[in-house]
């Protein structure tokens, strides 16, 4: 057997035992970028498999769908400073009620939401992304629908809902006026 034939047999054996399988059932190998590094971490035989991920597309989507944010720190901290400087008291952050408002005034039963201009579609600031337009249109529509449902549920439970846009935090007087007016 020639060296070349031995090499081919070894490659075929590695492909059959590889944990990463492409559409044709063969193992995937990363493209070489020289010196043992890989350049794009894609399969060399053209299946387009991403070799950097251990999960298939559906499983990765399921995992990422369970990731929940821990709040928008910059806007919430800015609102927190405004409330403290304005002498507003009686609020709690992230109270475990429906919709998880950014601030909740429990005695007055007021839920304050600070909505990000991009994620909730501020009429003044929102700029629609040019790529994946259909995805962003659905995403924004779902966010707005969820905001309406949260409002309905909280009103039904006896809470007053105050929503402010992220851009309105540039005017601390506006935030204080809305909160003090609601209390």
C-alpha atoms as a PDB file:
ATOM      1  CA  UNK A   1       0.000   0.000   0.000  1.00  0.00           C
ATOM      2  CA  UNK A   2       1.326   3.410  -0.910  1.00  0.00           C
ATOM      3  CA  UNK A   3       1.634   6.275   1.546  1.00  0.00           C
ATOM      4  CA  UNK A   4      -1.117   8.120  -0.309  1.00  0.00           C
ATOM      5  CA  UNK A   5      -3.557   5.196  -0.070  1.00  0.00           C
ATOM      6  CA  UNK A   6      -2.810   4.846   3.672  1.00  0.00           C
ATOM      7  CA  UNK A   7      -3.499   8.535   4.179  1.00  0.00           C
ATOM      8  CA  UNK A   8      -6.835   8.291   2.364  1.00  0.00           C
ATOM      9  CA  UNK A   9      -7.890   5.304   4.470  1.00  0.00           C
ATOM     10  CA  UNK A  10      -6.983   7.176   7.672  1.00  0.00           C
ATOM     11  CA  UNK A  11      -8.984  10.249   6.603  1.00  0.00           C
ATOM     12  CA  UNK A  12     -12.029   8.116   5.737  1.00  0.00           C
ATOM     13  CA  UNK A  13     -11.780   6.330   9.102  1.00  0.00           C
ATOM     14  CA  UNK A  14     -11.568   9.705  10.954  1.00  0.00           C
ATOM     15  CA  UNK A  15     -14.567  11.005   9.009  1.00  0.00           C
ATOM     16  CA  UNK A  16     -16.660   7.965   9.930  1.00  0.00           C
ATOM     17  CA  UNK A  17     -15.798   8.262  13.631  1.00  0.00           C
ATOM     18  CA  UNK A  18     -15.973  12.077  13.832  1.00  0.00           C
ATOM     19  CA  UNK A  19     -18.611  13.366  16.303  1.00  0.00           C
ATOM     20  CA  UNK A  20     -19.446  16.181  13.892  1.00  0.00           C
ATOM     21  CA  UNK A  21     -21.424  14.928  10.904  1.00  0.00           C
ATOM     22  CA  UNK A  22     -22.395  16.946   7.875  1.00  0.00           C
ATOM     23  CA  UNK A  23     -25.472  16.520   5.685  1.00  0.00           C
ATOM     24  CA  UNK A  24     -23.870  13.650   3.816  1.00  0.00           C
ATOM     25  CA  UNK A  25     -22.998  11.769   7.018  1.00  0.00           C
ATOM     26  CA  UNK A  26     -19.262  12.428   6.794  1.00  0.00           C
ATOM     27  CA  UNK A  27     -17.166  14.055   9.503  1.00  0.00           C
ATOM     28  CA  UNK A  28     -16.453  17.748   9.242  1.00  0.00           C
ATOM     29  CA  UNK A  29     -12.934  19.140   9.254  1.00  0.00           C
ATOM     30  CA  UNK A  30     -12.004  22.786   9.780  1.00  0.00           C
ATOM     31  CA  UNK A  31     -10.216  24.693   7.044  1.00  0.00           C
ATOM     32  CA  UNK A  32      -6.582  25.201   7.836  1.00  0.00           C
ATOM     33  CA  UNK A  33      -5.349  28.753   8.253  1.00  0.00           C
ATOM     34  CA  UNK A  34      -1.713  27.670   8.359  1.00  0.00           C
ATOM     35  CA  UNK A  35       0.424  26.743  11.351  1.00  0.00           C
ATOM     36  CA  UNK A  36      -2.277  24.447  12.696  1.00  0.00           C
ATOM     37  CA  UNK A  37      -4.858  27.202  13.201  1.00  0.00           C
ATOM     38  CA  UNK A  38      -8.236  27.270  11.536  1.00  0.00           C
ATOM     39  CA  UNK A  39      -9.411  30.323   9.714  1.00  0.00           C
ATOM     40  CA  UNK A  40     -13.198  30.214   9.530  1.00  0.00           C
ATOM     41  CA  UNK A  41     -14.009  27.137  11.600  1.00  0.00           C
ATOM     42  CA  UNK A  42     -16.219  25.843   8.792  1.00  0.00           C
ATOM     43  CA  UNK A  43     -16.265  22.391   7.273  1.00  0.00           C
ATOM     44  CA  UNK A  44     -13.838  21.849   4.380  1.00  0.00           C
ATOM     45  CA  UNK A  45     -16.194  19.629   2.414  1.00  0.00           C
ATOM     46  CA  UNK A  46     -18.747  22.363   1.904  1.00  0.00           C
ATOM     47  CA  UNK A  47     -21.570  21.490   4.273  1.00  0.00           C
ATOM     48  CA  UNK A  48     -21.259  24.868   6.022  1.00  0.00           C
ATOM     49  CA  UNK A  49     -21.260  23.342   9.492  1.00  0.00           C
ATOM     50  CA  UNK A  50     -20.133  25.713  12.223  1.00  0.00           C
ATOM     51  CA  UNK A  51     -17.439  23.832  14.096  1.00  0.00           C
ATOM     52  CA  UNK A  52     -17.336  26.335  16.979  1.00  0.00           C
ATOM     53  CA  UNK A  53     -20.739  25.220  18.295  1.00  0.00           C
ATOM     54  CA  UNK A  54     -21.432  21.876  19.957  1.00  0.00           C
ATOM     55  CA  UNK A  55     -25.210  22.085  19.411  1.00  0.00           C
ATOM     56  CA  UNK A  56     -27.363  22.003  16.308  1.00  0.00           C
ATOM     57  CA  UNK A  57     -29.304  25.102  15.262  1.00  0.00           C
ATOM     58  CA  UNK A  58     -32.590  24.080  16.957  1.00  0.00           C
ATOM     59  CA  UNK A  59     -30.919  23.166  20.263  1.00  0.00           C
ATOM     60  CA  UNK A  60     -28.883  26.418  20.292  1.00  0.00           C
ATOM     61  CA  UNK A  61     -32.069  28.395  19.646  1.00  0.00           C
ATOM     62  CA  UNK A  62     -33.810  26.606  22.524  1.00  0.00           C
ATOM     63  CA  UNK A  63     -30.895  27.308  24.893  1.00  0.00           C
ATOM     64  CA  UNK A  64     -30.639  30.983  23.913  1.00  0.00           C
ATOM     65  CA  UNK A  65     -34.414  31.388  24.242  1.00  0.00           C
ATOM     66  CA  UNK A  66     -34.130  30.550  27.939  1.00  0.00           C
ATOM     67  CA  UNK A  67     -31.556  33.294  28.577  1.00  0.00           C
ATOM     68  CA  UNK A  68     -33.212  36.218  30.334  1.00  0.00           C
ATOM     69  CA  UNK A  69     -31.770  39.667  30.702  1.00  0.00           C
ATOM     70  CA  UNK A  70     -30.942  41.162  34.054  1.00  0.00           C
ATOM     71  CA  UNK A  71     -32.207  44.620  33.242  1.00  0.00           C
ATOM     72  CA  UNK A  72     -30.817  47.477  31.270  1.00  0.00           C
ATOM     73  CA  UNK A  73     -28.306  48.766  33.783  1.00  0.00           C
ATOM     74  CA  UNK A  74     -27.451  52.096  32.150  1.00  0.00           C
ATOM     75  CA  UNK A  75     -31.024  53.384  31.814  1.00  0.00           C
ATOM     76  CA  UNK A  76     -32.165  51.960  35.152  1.00  0.00           C
ATOM     77  CA  UNK A  77     -29.196  53.433  36.998  1.00  0.00           C
ATOM     78  CA  UNK A  78     -29.799  56.798  35.364  1.00  0.00           C
ATOM     79  CA  UNK A  79     -33.465  56.685  36.472  1.00  0.00           C
ATOM     80  CA  UNK A  80     -32.360  55.562  39.945  1.00  0.00           C
ATOM     81  CA  UNK A  81     -30.098  58.611  40.315  1.00  0.00           C
ATOM     82  CA  UNK A  82     -32.879  60.930  39.140  1.00  0.00           C
ATOM     83  CA  UNK A  83     -35.348  59.453  41.648  1.00  0.00           C
ATOM     84  CA  UNK A  84     -32.850  59.736  44.512  1.00  0.00           C
ATOM     85  CA  UNK A  85     -31.838  63.305  43.663  1.00  0.00           C
ATOM     86  CA  UNK A  86     -35.501  64.273  43.307  1.00  0.00           C
ATOM     87  CA  UNK A  87     -36.261  62.929  46.780  1.00  0.00           C
ATOM     88  CA  UNK A  88     -38.789  60.361  45.538  1.00  0.00           C
ATOM     89  CA  UNK A  89     -39.164  57.527  48.044  1.00  0.00           C
ATOM     90  CA  UNK A  90     -41.152  54.336  48.427  1.00  0.00           C
ATOM     91  CA  UNK A  91     -40.021  52.466  45.333  1.00  0.00           C
ATOM     92  CA  UNK A  92     -38.525  49.033  44.863  1.00  0.00           C
ATOM     93  CA  UNK A  93     -36.603  47.673  41.910  1.00  0.00           C
ATOM     94  CA  UNK A  94     -37.682  44.530  40.058  1.00  0.00           C
ATOM     95  CA  UNK A  95     -40.580  43.649  42.322  1.00  0.00           C
ATOM     96  CA  UNK A  96     -41.869  40.168  41.534  1.00  0.00           C
ATOM     97  CA  UNK A  97     -45.206  41.212  40.048  1.00  0.00           C
ATOM     98  CA  UNK A  98     -46.523  40.554  36.560  1.00  0.00           C
ATOM     99  CA  UNK A  99     -44.356  42.252  33.939  1.00  0.00           C
ATOM    100  CA  UNK A 100     -41.425  42.864  36.327  1.00  0.00           C
ATOM    101  CA  UNK A 101     -41.476  46.690  36.267  1.00  0.00           C
ATOM    102  CA  UNK A 102     -38.165  48.533  36.553  1.00  0.00           C
ATOM    103  CA  UNK A 103     -39.500  50.421  39.591  1.00  0.00           C
ATOM    104  CA  UNK A 104     -42.599  49.694  41.663  1.00  0.00           C
ATOM    105  CA  UNK A 105     -44.164  52.049  44.191  1.00  0.00           C
ATOM    106  CA  UNK A 106     -45.970  49.488  46.341  1.00  0.00           C
ATOM    107  CA  UNK A 107     -48.046  51.812  48.555  1.00  0.00           C
ATOM    108  CA  UNK A 108     -49.265  53.897  45.623  1.00  0.00           C
ATOM    109  CA  UNK A 109     -49.464  50.757  43.417  1.00  0.00           C
ATOM    110  CA  UNK A 110     -47.575  52.355  40.550  1.00  0.00           C
ATOM    111  CA  UNK A 111     -45.449  50.316  38.128  1.00  0.00           C
ATOM    112  CA  UNK A 112     -42.776  52.328  36.308  1.00  0.00           C
ATOM    113  CA  UNK A 113     -41.265  50.941  33.119  1.00  0.00           C
ATOM    114  CA  UNK A 114     -38.308  52.585  31.388  1.00  0.00           C
ATOM    115  CA  UNK A 115     -38.587  51.345  27.796  1.00  0.00           C
ATOM    116  CA  UNK A 116     -35.532  51.286  25.551  1.00  0.00           C
ATOM    117  CA  UNK A 117     -36.081  53.350  22.421  1.00  0.00           C
ATOM    118  CA  UNK A 118     -34.770  50.625  20.112  1.00  0.00           C
ATOM    119  CA  UNK A 119     -36.422  47.589  21.726  1.00  0.00           C
ATOM    120  CA  UNK A 120     -39.872  49.122  22.186  1.00  0.00           C
ATOM    121  CA  UNK A 121     -40.080  51.392  19.122  1.00  0.00           C
ATOM    122  CA  UNK A 122     -39.885  54.973  20.375  1.00  0.00           C
ATOM    123  CA  UNK A 123     -41.787  57.160  17.891  1.00  0.00           C
ATOM    124  CA  UNK A 124     -39.062  59.833  18.067  1.00  0.00           C
ATOM    125  CA  UNK A 125     -35.837  57.779  18.160  1.00  0.00           C
ATOM    126  CA  UNK A 126     -36.465  54.365  16.639  1.00  0.00           C
ATOM    127  CA  UNK A 127     -34.410  53.618  13.534  1.00  0.00           C
ATOM    128  CA  UNK A 128     -35.401  50.414  11.762  1.00  0.00           C
ATOM    129  CA  UNK A 129     -32.405  48.152  11.008  1.00  0.00           C
ATOM    130  CA  UNK A 130     -31.787  47.638   7.308  1.00  0.00           C
ATOM    131  CA  UNK A 131     -30.726  43.990   7.577  1.00  0.00           C
ATOM    132  CA  UNK A 132     -33.201  41.261   8.573  1.00  0.00           C
ATOM    133  CA  UNK A 133     -36.076  43.754   8.315  1.00  0.00           C
ATOM    134  CA  UNK A 134     -38.807  41.109   8.622  1.00  0.00           C
ATOM    135  CA  UNK A 135     -37.241  39.700  11.822  1.00  0.00           C
ATOM    136  CA  UNK A 136     -36.996  43.140  13.455  1.00  0.00           C
ATOM    137  CA  UNK A 137     -40.536  44.061  12.413  1.00  0.00           C
ATOM    138  CA  UNK A 138     -41.869  40.883  14.106  1.00  0.00           C
ATOM    139  CA  UNK A 139     -39.618  41.393  17.146  1.00  0.00           C
ATOM    140  CA  UNK A 140     -40.816  44.964  17.652  1.00  0.00           C
ATOM    141  CA  UNK A 141     -44.468  43.979  17.117  1.00  0.00           C
ATOM    142  CA  UNK A 142     -44.144  41.198  19.720  1.00  0.00           C
ATOM    143  CA  UNK A 143     -42.514  43.576  22.206  1.00  0.00           C
ATOM    144  CA  UNK A 144     -45.325  46.108  21.757  1.00  0.00           C
ATOM    145  CA  UNK A 145     -47.960  43.391  22.087  1.00  0.00           C
ATOM    146  CA  UNK A 146     -46.335  42.139  25.288  1.00  0.00           C
ATOM    147  CA  UNK A 147     -46.194  45.719  26.652  1.00  0.00           C
ATOM    148  CA  UNK A 148     -49.944  46.083  26.059  1.00  0.00           C
ATOM    149  CA  UNK A 149     -50.678  42.753  27.750  1.00  0.00           C
ATOM    150  CA  UNK A 150     -48.554  43.705  30.777  1.00  0.00           C
ATOM    151  CA  UNK A 151     -50.412  47.024  31.003  1.00  0.00           C
ATOM    152  CA  UNK A 152     -53.826  45.309  30.819  1.00  0.00           C
ATOM    153  CA  UNK A 153     -52.917  42.750  33.462  1.00  0.00           C
ATOM    154  CA  UNK A 154     -51.496  45.324  35.872  1.00  0.00           C
ATOM    155  CA  UNK A 155     -54.520  47.622  35.436  1.00  0.00           C
ATOM    156  CA  UNK A 156     -56.793  44.656  36.084  1.00  0.00           C
ATOM    157  CA  UNK A 157     -54.864  43.978  39.320  1.00  0.00           C
ATOM    158  CA  UNK A 158     -55.238  47.563  40.525  1.00  0.00           C
ATOM    159  CA  UNK A 159     -51.870  48.996  39.514  1.00  0.00           C
ATOM    160  CA  UNK A 160     -51.293  52.248  37.653  1.00  0.00           C
ATOM    161  CA  UNK A 161     -48.749  51.879  34.834  1.00  0.00           C
ATOM    162  CA  UNK A 162     -46.296  54.642  33.898  1.00  0.00           C
ATOM    163  CA  UNK A 163     -44.077  54.093  30.860  1.00  0.00           C
ATOM    164  CA  UNK A 164     -41.189  56.356  29.966  1.00  0.00           C
ATOM    165  CA  UNK A 165     -38.862  56.218  26.988  1.00  0.00           C
ATOM    166  CA  UNK A 166     -35.123  55.932  27.464  1.00  0.00           C
ATOM    167  CA  UNK A 167     -34.671  59.249  25.628  1.00  0.00           C
ATOM    168  CA  UNK A 168     -36.914  61.009  28.174  1.00  0.00           C
ATOM    169  CA  UNK A 169     -34.310  60.378  30.874  1.00  0.00           C
ATOM    170  CA  UNK A 170     -32.307  63.221  29.322  1.00  0.00           C
ATOM    171  CA  UNK A 171     -34.808  65.504  31.029  1.00  0.00           C
ATOM    172  CA  UNK A 172     -34.849  64.592  34.746  1.00  0.00           C
ATOM    173  CA  UNK A 173     -37.589  67.153  35.393  1.00  0.00           C
ATOM    174  CA  UNK A 174     -39.910  65.258  33.032  1.00  0.00           C
ATOM    175  CA  UNK A 175     -39.393  61.963  34.882  1.00  0.00           C
ATOM    176  CA  UNK A 176     -39.930  63.573  38.281  1.00  0.00           C
ATOM    177  CA  UNK A 177     -43.047  65.391  37.069  1.00  0.00           C
ATOM    178  CA  UNK A 178     -44.600  62.168  35.726  1.00  0.00           C
ATOM    179  CA  UNK A 179     -43.822  60.179  38.894  1.00  0.00           C
ATOM    180  CA  UNK A 180     -44.905  62.846  41.362  1.00  0.00           C
ATOM    181  CA  UNK A 181     -48.049  63.407  39.307  1.00  0.00           C
ATOM    182  CA  UNK A 182     -48.877  59.699  39.456  1.00  0.00           C
ATOM    183  CA  UNK A 183     -48.245  59.413  43.194  1.00  0.00           C
END
